[in-house]
Amino acid sequence: MNIESIDHVVLTVRDLDRTCDFYQSVLGFTVTTFAGGRKGLQFGRQKLNLHLYGKEFEPKALHPTPGSVDLCFITTTPLDEVRRELSEKGVPIEVGPVEKVGALGTLLSVYVRDPDHNLIEIANYVR
């Protein structure tokens, strides 16, 4: 078996509209509707599918819980500009910038929380 990439990740959320607004207005994701009204958040060649807490779709994780995910998103936007944009949008940075290790090398990262308190890392690869 040769796994090539991640296609999507499912986030269990308490409020679909609030989650869609955050990811669209703060991170620039595109809100999509598919499969009979389900919601997703498209970015690049991946997406986050959204399950409403208590009304998850089958099959699902054994214990789906809002706020239980840590995600890292790579951006081509310089981190100084990311920090400025987050500040302008009233999104507090919890940690950073700090150096971390990503899948392909060293990252410079900042961390924020989404509406369900998932930890969101926004990072640039250090070249």
Protein backbone atom coordinates (compact mmCIF):
# COMPACT_ATOMS: atom_id res chain seq x y z
CA MET A 1 0.00 0.00 0.00
CA ASN A 2 1.26 3.49 -0.85
CA ILE A 3 -0.69 6.33 0.80
CA GLU A 4 -0.18 9.54 -1.19
CA SER A 5 -1.98 12.29 0.72
CA ILE A 6 -4.85 13.27 2.98
CA ASP A 7 -8.04 14.05 1.07
CA HIS A 8 -10.15 15.30 3.98
CA VAL A 9 -10.41 15.40 7.74
CA VAL A 10 -13.72 15.46 9.64
CA LEU A 11 -14.25 18.09 12.32
CA THR A 12 -17.07 17.63 14.81
CA VAL A 13 -18.44 21.07 15.61
CA ARG A 14 -21.08 22.65 17.83
CA ASP A 15 -22.19 25.36 15.35
CA LEU A 16 -21.89 24.87 11.59
CA ASP A 17 -22.45 28.52 10.70
CA ARG A 18 -19.94 29.84 13.23
CA THR A 19 -17.33 27.30 12.11
CA CYS A 20 -17.88 28.08 8.42
CA ASP A 21 -17.62 31.81 9.12
CA PHE A 22 -14.32 31.41 11.01
CA TYR A 23 -12.62 29.23 8.42
CA GLN A 24 -13.90 31.36 5.53
CA SER A 25 -13.29 34.84 6.96
CA VAL A 26 -10.10 34.13 8.92
CA LEU A 27 -8.34 31.43 6.90
CA GLY A 28 -9.84 32.04 3.45
CA PHE A 29 -11.34 28.56 3.02
CA THR A 30 -14.27 28.04 0.64
CA VAL A 31 -17.50 26.73 2.17
CA THR A 32 -18.92 23.88 0.10
CA THR A 33 -22.22 22.02 0.27
CA PHE A 34 -22.34 18.39 -0.85
CA ALA A 35 -24.18 15.07 -0.40
CA GLY A 36 -27.63 16.31 0.56
CA GLY A 37 -26.69 19.50 2.37
CA ARG A 38 -23.52 18.45 4.23
CA LYS A 39 -20.94 21.21 4.76
CA GLY A 40 -17.24 21.22 3.99
CA LEU A 41 -14.37 23.69 3.97
CA GLN A 42 -12.22 23.54 0.84
CA PHE A 43 -8.59 24.72 0.73
CA GLY A 44 -6.04 23.79 -1.91
CA ARG A 45 -6.57 20.14 -2.81
CA GLN A 46 -8.01 19.19 0.57
CA LYS A 47 -11.08 19.84 2.66
CA LEU A 48 -12.48 19.63 6.13
CA ASN A 49 -15.85 17.91 6.31
CA LEU A 50 -18.06 19.12 9.14
CA HIS A 51 -20.21 16.97 11.41
CA LEU A 52 -22.62 18.66 13.79
CA TYR A 53 -22.08 17.36 17.32
CA GLY A 54 -24.82 14.89 18.23
CA LYS A 55 -25.89 14.56 14.57
CA GLU A 56 -22.75 13.01 13.08
CA PHE A 57 -22.84 11.01 9.85
CA GLU A 58 -22.01 7.29 9.79
CA PRO A 59 -19.44 5.94 9.80
CA LYS A 60 -17.79 8.23 12.34
CA ALA A 61 -15.07 8.27 14.96
CA LEU A 62 -15.87 6.24 18.05
CA HIS A 63 -15.93 9.36 20.28
CA PRO A 64 -16.43 12.45 18.08
CA THR A 65 -15.84 15.54 20.19
CA PRO A 66 -15.72 19.25 19.36
CA GLY A 67 -12.35 20.78 20.19
CA SER A 68 -10.32 17.57 20.10
CA VAL A 69 -8.24 18.23 16.96
CA ASP A 70 -4.85 19.87 16.37
CA LEU A 71 -4.37 20.91 12.73
CA CYS A 72 -1.40 22.48 10.96
CA PHE A 73 -1.94 24.51 7.80
CA ILE A 74 0.97 25.57 5.60
CA THR A 75 0.68 29.04 4.08
CA THR A 76 2.72 30.83 1.43
CA THR A 77 1.77 34.12 3.08
CA PRO A 78 4.70 35.44 5.16
CA LEU A 79 4.09 34.83 8.86
CA ASP A 80 4.38 38.56 9.69
CA GLU A 81 1.45 39.20 7.35
CA VAL A 82 -0.48 36.27 8.87
CA ARG A 83 0.03 37.77 12.33
CA ARG A 84 -1.17 41.17 11.11
CA GLU A 85 -4.28 39.67 9.49
CA LEU A 86 -5.12 37.68 12.61
CA SER A 87 -4.76 40.81 14.73
CA GLU A 88 -6.99 42.83 12.37
CA LYS A 89 -9.64 40.10 12.57
CA GLY A 90 -9.49 39.97 16.37
CA VAL A 91 -8.12 36.43 16.49
CA PRO A 92 -5.65 36.09 19.39
CA ILE A 93 -2.43 34.19 18.83
CA GLU A 94 -1.95 31.65 21.63
CA VAL A 95 1.67 30.81 20.86
CA GLY A 96 4.24 32.02 18.38
CA PRO A 97 5.95 32.56 16.28
CA VAL A 98 7.91 29.44 17.22
CA GLU A 99 10.02 26.92 15.30
CA LYS A 100 8.52 23.45 14.95
CA VAL A 101 9.23 20.38 12.84
CA GLY A 102 6.85 19.65 9.98
CA ALA A 103 6.59 16.75 7.55
CA LEU A 104 9.13 18.33 5.17
CA GLY A 105 11.39 20.28 7.53
CA THR A 106 11.49 23.22 9.90
CA LEU A 107 8.37 25.38 10.32
CA LEU A 108 7.85 28.85 11.71
CA SER A 109 4.38 28.70 13.29
CA VAL A 110 1.69 30.61 15.13
CA TYR A 111 -1.19 28.93 16.98
CA VAL A 112 -4.82 30.07 17.26
CA ARG A 113 -8.10 28.45 18.31
CA ASP A 114 -11.18 27.93 16.17
CA PRO A 115 -14.73 28.37 17.58
CA ASP A 116 -14.67 24.86 19.11
CA HIS A 117 -11.19 25.47 20.58
CA ASN A 118 -9.41 23.14 18.16
CA LEU A 119 -5.74 24.11 18.01
CA ILE A 120 -4.89 25.61 14.62
CA GLU A 121 -1.24 25.95 13.63
CA ILE A 122 -0.50 28.29 10.71
CA ALA A 123 3.02 27.90 9.41
CA ASN A 124 5.67 28.70 6.83
CA TYR A 125 8.44 26.29 5.95
CA VAL A 126 11.82 27.80 6.76
CA ARG A 127 13.91 27.69 3.61
